[in-house]
Amino acid sequence: MSATDLKSIPFNRTHVAENELDYLVEALHQGSTCGDGPFTRRATALLRELTGAGGALLTTSCTHALEMSALLLGLRPGDEVIVPSFTFMSTANAYALRGAVPVFADCRPDTLNVDEHLLEAAVTDRTRAVVVVHYAGVACAMEEIGALCERHGLTLIEDNAHGLGGSYRGRPLGSFGRMATQSFHATKNAQCGEGGALLVNDPGLVARAEIVREKGTDRGRFFRGQVDKYRWVDIGSSYLPSDVLAAQLTAQLESFGRIQLRRHAVWNAYHERLADWAAGNGVAQPMVPDGCAHPAHLYYLLLPDLDNRQAFIGHLAERGVQAVFHYQPLHTAPAGTRYGRPAPGGCPVTEEVADRLVRLPLFADLDEDAVTRVVEAVQSYRVR
């Protein structure tokens, strides 16, 4: 049988968790499918247990959770927020929407996380916050970054879209920042198609965060009997997901341990079985520093250059394996140049790794035969 006769291996396939379909049916028949229902409460409790967050609010996306963090910061036009250039555009867009200037910092060449040694030079008298992204779920240097924020009186925010289940020196990712955001997009370890959460680790922000999520109203207090009517009391928007999505997410979070076992098995198989090939072809594998426990969110390879990256993706496609590249630098994007600016020294590492990175298929239902096919397809490529 030729490679073209084989069933294609997709980059991602969503996992259907145990009880997921039953919970969806239950949510549809419970009499109310709007937000803050019983499944919203169950999923929130599971998320708090998993992350150790002081407060957690489900949202319709990680993008909306980031927008909530910008509202809670009270940003004004001209304020600056330091963000990685190597990240999804929502990390910067959320703050640009409030009139703030995203200041794009370069990444480290080993973990691809924001380079903590470059942050000091990016701080000005207009800087209000530092946003970190734990790329591939590998923790940023949180001690150094936390110390910098404390020294300059800055708010630390974690964009933890990749990091659910990861930790730094035994402490869950998402528990370090004053606020943190989660993604439950279909590509994430736990997913409900589209969804997210804002984790609030500052008790003083929890009440206002609830108001911001509920269109700027004190509706939550009304339903708890704390006020006799609910009114518009602050700015906000409609960030609350349906309880149907929360039902799906509840099942995913209940099955999170089993999901993680399988994802780690795939990640470890790639890492071990491709080590000799990578070393022989000048290809870099992911690096996980001591003290970091990653959640096997994604597995990437860094090819020597753009030409090899593109040829490698085509080579795998010919063998029925879908591999994809990832983030493109925000500091050179059309909107990035319009609304933000690079930190001093620019972002040369980001520009380089964005041209070289390839992500391999990784999802909970990827079986052993498929893993072997991916490995063999990779090993059959020779760097030019």
Protein backbone atom coordinates (compact mmCIF):
# COMPACT_ATOMS: atom_id res chain seq x y z
CA MET A 1 0.00 0.00 0.00
CA SER A 2 1.36 3.40 -0.95
CA ALA A 3 1.50 6.37 1.39
CA THR A 4 -1.29 8.03 -0.57
CA ASP A 5 -3.57 5.05 0.15
CA LEU A 6 -3.19 5.46 3.90
CA LYS A 7 -5.68 7.44 5.95
CA SER A 8 -4.29 10.89 6.67
CA ILE A 9 -3.21 11.69 10.22
CA PRO A 10 -4.61 15.11 11.13
CA PHE A 11 -2.74 17.64 13.21
CA ASN A 12 -5.54 17.59 15.78
CA ARG A 13 -8.69 15.62 16.52
CA THR A 14 -10.94 16.59 19.42
CA HIS A 15 -11.28 13.99 22.15
CA VAL A 16 -14.76 13.06 23.36
CA ALA A 17 -14.50 12.46 27.10
CA GLU A 18 -16.36 9.94 29.21
CA ASN A 19 -19.84 11.28 30.15
CA GLU A 20 -19.52 14.14 27.65
CA LEU A 21 -22.55 13.24 25.53
CA ASP A 22 -24.65 12.45 28.60
CA TYR A 23 -23.79 15.80 30.14
CA LEU A 24 -24.68 17.64 26.94
CA VAL A 25 -28.09 16.00 26.86
CA GLU A 26 -28.60 16.76 30.56
CA ALA A 27 -27.69 20.41 30.00
CA LEU A 28 -30.17 20.69 27.14
CA HIS A 29 -32.98 19.24 29.26
CA GLN A 30 -32.29 21.01 32.54
CA GLY A 31 -34.57 23.92 31.67
CA SER A 32 -31.97 26.63 31.09
CA THR A 33 -29.03 26.63 28.72
CA CYS A 34 -27.73 30.11 29.55
CA GLY A 35 -24.63 30.66 31.64
CA ASP A 36 -23.96 30.22 35.35
CA GLY A 37 -25.99 27.03 35.55
CA PRO A 38 -25.07 23.82 37.41
CA PHE A 39 -22.43 22.74 34.89
CA THR A 40 -20.81 26.17 34.98
CA ARG A 41 -20.44 25.75 38.74
CA ARG A 42 -19.10 22.20 38.41
CA ALA A 43 -16.55 23.11 35.74
CA THR A 44 -15.45 26.16 37.74
CA ALA A 45 -14.86 24.04 40.86
CA LEU A 46 -12.81 21.52 38.86
CA LEU A 47 -10.76 24.30 37.30
CA ARG A 48 -10.01 25.91 40.66
CA GLU A 49 -8.93 22.54 42.03
CA LEU A 50 -6.65 21.92 39.05
CA THR A 51 -5.01 25.36 39.03
CA GLY A 52 -5.12 26.42 42.67
CA ALA A 53 -6.60 29.74 41.56
CA GLY A 54 -8.31 31.90 44.13
CA GLY A 55 -11.16 32.67 41.75
CA ALA A 56 -12.19 31.36 38.36
CA LEU A 57 -14.73 32.65 35.85
CA LEU A 58 -15.58 30.70 32.71
CA THR A 59 -15.60 32.81 29.55
CA THR A 60 -16.53 32.34 25.92
CA SER A 61 -12.85 32.27 24.90
CA CYS A 62 -9.34 32.89 26.14
CA THR A 63 -9.45 36.04 24.01
CA HIS A 64 -12.37 37.32 26.06
CA ALA A 65 -10.59 36.41 29.29
CA LEU A 66 -7.65 38.53 28.14
CA GLU A 67 -10.03 41.38 27.30
CA MET A 68 -11.46 41.11 30.80
CA SER A 69 -7.97 41.37 32.27
CA ALA A 70 -7.43 44.58 30.28
CA LEU A 71 -10.69 46.03 31.60
CA LEU A 72 -9.79 45.09 35.17
CA LEU A 73 -6.40 46.76 34.79
CA GLY A 74 -8.16 50.04 34.03
CA LEU A 75 -5.81 50.77 31.15
CA ARG A 76 -5.79 54.22 29.57
CA PRO A 77 -4.62 55.25 26.08
CA GLY A 78 -0.85 55.43 26.01
CA ASP A 79 -0.29 52.92 28.82
CA GLU A 80 2.14 50.15 27.87
CA VAL A 81 1.87 46.40 28.35
CA ILE A 82 4.89 44.17 27.70
CA VAL A 83 3.93 41.03 25.77
CA PRO A 84 5.87 38.38 23.82
CA SER A 85 6.15 38.86 20.09
CA PHE A 86 6.00 35.07 19.71
CA THR A 87 2.38 34.47 20.68
CA PHE A 88 -1.18 34.50 19.35
CA MET A 89 -2.45 37.96 18.44
CA SER A 90 -5.10 37.97 21.18
CA THR A 91 -2.35 38.38 23.77
CA ALA A 92 -1.63 41.84 22.35
CA ASN A 93 -4.98 42.71 20.83
CA ALA A 94 -6.80 42.61 24.18
CA TYR A 95 -4.71 45.51 25.48
CA ALA A 96 -4.59 47.45 22.21
CA LEU A 97 -8.41 47.47 22.30
CA ARG A 98 -8.18 49.55 25.48
CA GLY A 99 -5.80 52.03 23.82
CA ALA A 100 -2.68 50.59 25.44
CA VAL A 101 0.55 50.05 23.50
CA PRO A 102 1.78 46.45 23.30
CA VAL A 103 5.57 46.43 23.70
CA PHE A 104 6.86 43.27 22.01
CA ALA A 105 9.64 41.39 23.79
CA ASP A 106 11.84 38.72 22.22
CA CYS A 107 11.81 35.05 23.18
CA ARG A 108 14.49 32.74 24.46
CA PRO A 109 16.01 30.40 21.84
CA ASP A 110 15.67 27.33 24.10
CA THR A 111 12.11 27.38 25.52
CA LEU A 112 10.67 30.01 23.12
CA ASN A 113 9.25 31.78 26.17
CA VAL A 114 9.71 35.51 26.67
CA ASP A 115 13.34 36.22 27.56
CA GLU A 116 13.31 37.38 31.16
CA HIS A 117 16.71 39.04 30.74
CA LEU A 118 15.29 41.50 28.18
CA LEU A 119 12.30 42.70 30.16
CA GLU A 120 14.07 45.31 32.28
CA ALA A 121 15.06 47.31 29.19
CA ALA A 122 11.43 47.27 27.99
CA VAL A 123 10.04 48.92 31.15
CA THR A 124 9.20 52.64 30.93
CA ASP A 125 7.27 55.03 33.17
CA ARG A 126 4.16 54.12 31.14
CA THR A 127 4.44 50.34 31.67
CA ARG A 128 1.47 48.89 33.56
CA ALA A 129 1.78 45.13 33.16
CA VAL A 130 3.82 42.21 31.90
CA VAL A 131 2.01 39.36 30.16
CA VAL A 132 3.80 36.01 29.92
CA VAL A 133 2.86 33.05 27.73
CA HIS A 134 4.02 29.59 28.80
CA TYR A 135 4.84 28.32 25.31
CA ALA A 136 3.94 24.63 24.83
CA GLY A 137 3.04 24.62 28.53
CA VAL A 138 6.68 25.00 29.62
CA ALA A 139 6.85 27.62 32.36
CA CYS A 140 8.50 30.98 31.91
CA ALA A 141 11.16 32.02 34.45
CA MET A 142 8.50 33.05 36.95
CA GLU A 143 10.79 33.90 39.85
CA GLU A 144 12.80 36.41 37.83
CA ILE A 145 9.74 37.86 36.09
CA GLY A 146 7.79 38.07 39.32
CA ALA A 147 10.69 39.90 40.99
CA LEU A 148 10.88 42.39 38.11
CA CYS A 149 7.15 43.12 38.36
CA GLU A 150 7.40 43.64 42.10
CA ARG A 151 10.42 45.90 41.70
CA HIS A 152 8.63 48.16 39.22
CA GLY A 153 5.11 47.92 40.64
CA LEU A 154 3.75 46.11 37.57
CA THR A 155 0.86 43.66 37.29
CA LEU A 156 1.86 40.15 36.19
CA ILE A 157 -0.62 38.34 33.94
CA GLU A 158 -0.28 34.77 32.70
CA ASP A 159 -1.67 33.88 29.30
CA ASN A 160 -1.88 30.21 30.23
CA ALA A 161 -3.58 29.02 27.05
CA HIS A 162 -1.01 26.22 26.68
CA GLY A 163 -0.30 25.53 30.31
CA LEU A 164 -3.26 23.82 31.99
CA GLY A 165 -1.76 20.96 34.00
CA GLY A 166 1.77 22.37 33.88
CA SER A 167 3.73 23.61 36.86
CA TYR A 168 6.80 25.60 37.89
CA ARG A 169 8.72 24.26 40.89
CA GLY A 170 5.67 22.35 42.02
CA ARG A 171 3.23 25.24 41.71
CA PRO A 172 0.47 25.12 39.03
CA LEU A 173 0.75 27.47 36.08
CA GLY A 174 -2.01 30.03 36.26
CA SER A 175 -1.45 30.66 39.97
CA PHE A 176 1.47 33.12 39.66
CA GLY A 177 -0.09 36.17 38.05
CA ARG A 178 -2.53 38.60 39.58
CA MET A 179 -4.72 37.23 36.79
CA ALA A 180 -4.32 34.35 34.36
CA THR A 181 -6.26 33.21 31.32
CA GLN A 182 -7.10 29.72 30.05
CA SER A 183 -8.19 28.43 26.67
CA PHE A 184 -10.59 25.58 26.03
CA HIS A 185 -10.39 25.84 22.25
CA ALA A 186 -10.76 22.61 20.29
CA THR A 187 -6.95 22.28 20.02
CA LYS A 188 -6.35 22.40 23.77
CA ASN A 189 -5.85 19.51 26.20
CA ALA A 190 -9.31 20.12 27.73
CA GLN A 191 -11.75 21.66 25.27
CA CYS A 192 -15.34 22.61 24.63
CA GLY A 193 -14.93 23.77 21.03
CA GLU A 194 -14.65 27.42 22.01
CA GLY A 195 -14.23 28.59 25.59
CA GLY A 196 -11.88 30.00 28.16
CA ALA A 197 -11.55 31.21 31.72
CA LEU A 198 -10.16 34.07 33.73
CA LEU A 199 -8.33 33.03 36.88
CA VAL A 200 -8.23 35.76 39.52
CA ASN A 201 -5.56 35.39 42.18
CA ASP A 202 -6.12 38.82 43.72
CA PRO A 203 -9.16 38.60 46.05
CA GLY A 204 -9.72 42.31 45.59
CA LEU A 205 -10.52 41.80 41.89
CA VAL A 206 -12.98 38.90 42.12
CA ALA A 207 -16.18 40.90 42.68
CA ARG A 208 -15.42 43.38 39.89
CA ALA A 209 -14.40 40.56 37.53
CA GLU A 210 -17.85 39.02 37.96
CA ILE A 211 -19.45 42.37 37.10
CA VAL A 212 -17.26 42.86 34.02
CA ARG A 213 -18.19 39.39 32.76
CA GLU A 214 -21.93 40.09 33.23
CA LYS A 215 -22.12 43.11 30.91
CA GLY A 216 -21.13 45.49 33.69
CA THR A 217 -24.10 44.53 35.89
CA ASP A 218 -24.40 43.14 39.42
CA ARG A 219 -26.64 40.36 38.11
CA GLY A 220 -24.70 37.70 40.00
CA ARG A 221 -25.35 39.45 43.30
CA PHE A 222 -29.05 39.71 42.40
CA PHE A 223 -29.39 35.96 41.85
CA ARG A 224 -27.64 35.32 45.17
CA GLY A 225 -30.16 37.57 46.91
CA GLN A 226 -27.57 40.23 47.82
CA VAL A 227 -29.42 43.05 46.01
CA ASP A 228 -33.14 43.46 45.21
CA LYS A 229 -32.54 44.37 41.55
CA TYR A 230 -29.59 44.31 39.22
CA ARG A 231 -28.29 47.40 37.49
CA TRP A 232 -25.54 48.61 35.18
CA VAL A 233 -22.72 49.45 37.60
CA ASP A 234 -19.50 49.28 35.53
CA ILE A 235 -18.17 48.75 32.03
CA GLY A 236 -18.16 45.16 30.81
CA SER A 237 -19.43 42.86 28.11
CA SER A 238 -21.12 39.51 27.55
CA TYR A 239 -18.34 37.05 28.36
CA LEU A 240 -20.37 34.26 30.00
CA PRO A 241 -20.57 30.94 28.10
CA SER A 242 -23.65 28.78 27.78
CA ASP A 243 -24.12 26.00 30.33
CA VAL A 244 -24.12 23.58 27.37
CA LEU A 245 -20.46 24.41 26.72
CA ALA A 246 -19.80 24.16 30.45
CA ALA A 247 -21.32 20.65 30.42
CA GLN A 248 -18.86 19.58 27.74
CA LEU A 249 -16.01 21.19 29.65
CA THR A 250 -17.05 19.48 32.90
CA ALA A 251 -16.67 16.07 31.29
CA GLN A 252 -13.29 17.06 29.84
CA LEU A 253 -11.97 18.29 33.18
CA GLU A 254 -13.24 15.16 34.96
CA SER A 255 -11.28 13.09 32.41
CA PHE A 256 -8.24 15.36 32.45
CA GLY A 257 -5.96 12.83 34.15
CA ARG A 258 -6.66 10.16 31.51
CA ILE A 259 -6.32 12.67 28.70
CA GLN A 260 -2.95 13.74 30.05
CA LEU A 261 -1.61 10.20 30.35
CA ARG A 262 -2.18 9.61 26.65
CA ARG A 263 -0.85 12.99 25.55
CA HIS A 264 2.33 12.49 27.56
CA ALA A 265 2.77 9.04 26.03
CA VAL A 266 2.68 10.57 22.54
CA TRP A 267 4.98 13.47 23.51
CA ASN A 268 7.51 11.11 25.11
CA ALA A 269 7.45 8.75 22.13
CA TYR A 270 8.28 11.62 19.77
CA HIS A 271 10.99 12.97 22.04
CA GLU A 272 12.76 9.65 22.54
CA ARG A 273 12.36 8.09 19.10
CA LEU A 274 13.31 11.24 17.17
CA ALA A 275 16.36 12.15 19.26
CA ASP A 276 18.97 10.47 17.04
CA TRP A 277 17.36 11.74 13.84
CA ALA A 278 17.21 15.30 15.22
CA ALA A 279 20.83 15.26 16.35
CA GLY A 280 21.99 13.92 12.99
CA ASN A 281 20.09 16.54 11.01
CA GLY A 282 20.70 19.66 13.08
CA VAL A 283 17.10 19.82 14.24
CA ALA A 284 16.27 21.12 17.72
CA GLN A 285 13.75 19.37 19.97
CA PRO A 286 11.79 21.01 22.80
CA MET A 287 13.74 21.89 25.93
CA VAL A 288 12.14 21.60 29.37
CA PRO A 289 14.21 23.28 32.11
CA ASP A 290 14.63 21.74 35.56
CA GLY A 291 11.71 22.58 37.80
CA CYS A 292 9.21 22.77 34.92
CA ALA A 293 6.55 20.11 34.42
CA HIS A 294 4.85 20.53 31.04
CA PRO A 295 1.34 19.30 30.13
CA ALA A 296 2.24 17.80 26.71
CA HIS A 297 0.24 20.47 24.95
CA LEU A 298 2.24 20.42 21.73
CA TYR A 299 5.38 18.86 20.25
CA TYR A 300 7.53 20.93 17.92
CA LEU A 301 10.75 20.65 15.97
CA LEU A 302 13.01 23.51 14.89
CA LEU A 303 14.37 22.88 11.39
CA PRO A 304 17.60 24.65 10.37
CA ASP A 305 15.89 27.22 8.12
CA LEU A 306 12.70 28.23 6.33
CA ASP A 307 13.43 26.24 3.16
CA ASN A 308 13.86 23.05 5.15
CA ARG A 309 10.79 23.82 7.23
CA GLN A 310 8.60 24.15 4.17
CA ALA A 311 10.12 21.10 2.48
CA PHE A 312 9.66 19.09 5.69
CA ILE A 313 5.96 19.99 5.96
CA GLY A 314 5.49 18.98 2.31
CA HIS A 315 7.44 15.75 2.87
CA LEU A 316 5.16 14.77 5.74
CA ALA A 317 2.03 15.70 3.79
CA GLU A 318 3.07 13.35 0.99
CA ARG A 319 3.15 10.59 3.61
CA GLY A 320 -0.28 11.40 5.00
CA VAL A 321 0.86 13.38 8.05
CA GLN A 322 -0.45 16.89 8.64
CA ALA A 323 2.16 19.09 10.34
CA VAL A 324 1.85 22.85 10.72
CA PHE A 325 3.92 25.89 11.60
CA HIS A 326 2.95 28.27 14.39
CA TYR A 327 3.06 31.92 15.45
CA GLN A 328 4.35 34.63 13.18
CA PRO A 329 6.07 37.62 14.86
CA LEU A 330 3.60 40.17 16.15
CA HIS A 331 6.07 43.05 16.06
CA THR A 332 6.25 42.85 12.25
CA ALA A 333 2.54 42.12 11.66
CA PRO A 334 0.51 44.93 10.06
CA ALA A 335 -1.47 45.55 13.26
CA GLY A 336 1.62 45.09 15.39
CA THR A 337 3.42 47.93 13.65
CA ARG A 338 0.29 50.10 13.84
CA TYR A 339 -0.63 49.61 17.49
CA GLY A 340 2.56 48.47 19.19
CA ARG A 341 6.33 48.65 19.08
CA PRO A 342 9.23 46.27 19.68
CA ALA A 343 11.22 46.43 22.90
CA PRO A 344 14.78 47.80 22.68
CA GLY A 345 16.94 45.44 20.62
CA GLY A 346 14.04 44.12 18.58
CA CYS A 347 12.99 40.48 18.39
CA PRO A 348 15.56 38.65 16.23
CA VAL A 349 15.09 35.27 17.94
CA THR A 350 11.34 35.42 17.37
CA GLU A 351 11.86 36.13 13.68
CA GLU A 352 14.22 33.18 13.36
CA VAL A 353 12.22 30.53 15.22
CA ALA A 354 8.96 31.56 13.52
CA ASP A 355 10.54 30.49 10.20
CA ARG A 356 11.88 27.20 11.54
CA LEU A 357 9.19 25.70 13.77
CA VAL A 358 6.97 22.73 12.86
CA ARG A 359 4.34 21.15 15.10
CA LEU A 360 3.62 17.42 14.86
CA PRO A 361 0.20 15.81 15.38
CA LEU A 362 -0.57 15.44 19.09
CA PHE A 363 -3.97 14.54 20.54
CA ALA A 364 -5.31 12.08 23.09
CA ASP A 365 -6.74 9.65 20.53
CA LEU A 366 -3.53 9.34 18.49
CA ASP A 367 -2.86 5.60 18.67
CA GLU A 368 0.45 3.75 18.65
CA ASP A 369 0.27 2.87 14.96
CA ALA A 370 -0.28 6.51 14.05
CA VAL A 371 2.60 7.62 16.26
CA THR A 372 4.86 5.11 14.52
CA ARG A 373 3.75 6.44 11.11
CA VAL A 374 4.55 9.99 12.17
CA VAL A 375 7.95 9.00 13.54
CA GLU A 376 8.85 7.04 10.40
CA ALA A 377 7.72 9.89 8.15
CA VAL A 378 9.90 12.32 10.09
CA GLN A 379 12.89 9.99 10.08
CA SER A 380 12.68 9.60 6.30
CA TYR A 381 13.41 13.32 5.81
CA ARG A 382 16.99 14.47 5.32
CA VAL A 383 17.89 18.09 5.93
CA ARG A 384 19.13 19.78 2.76
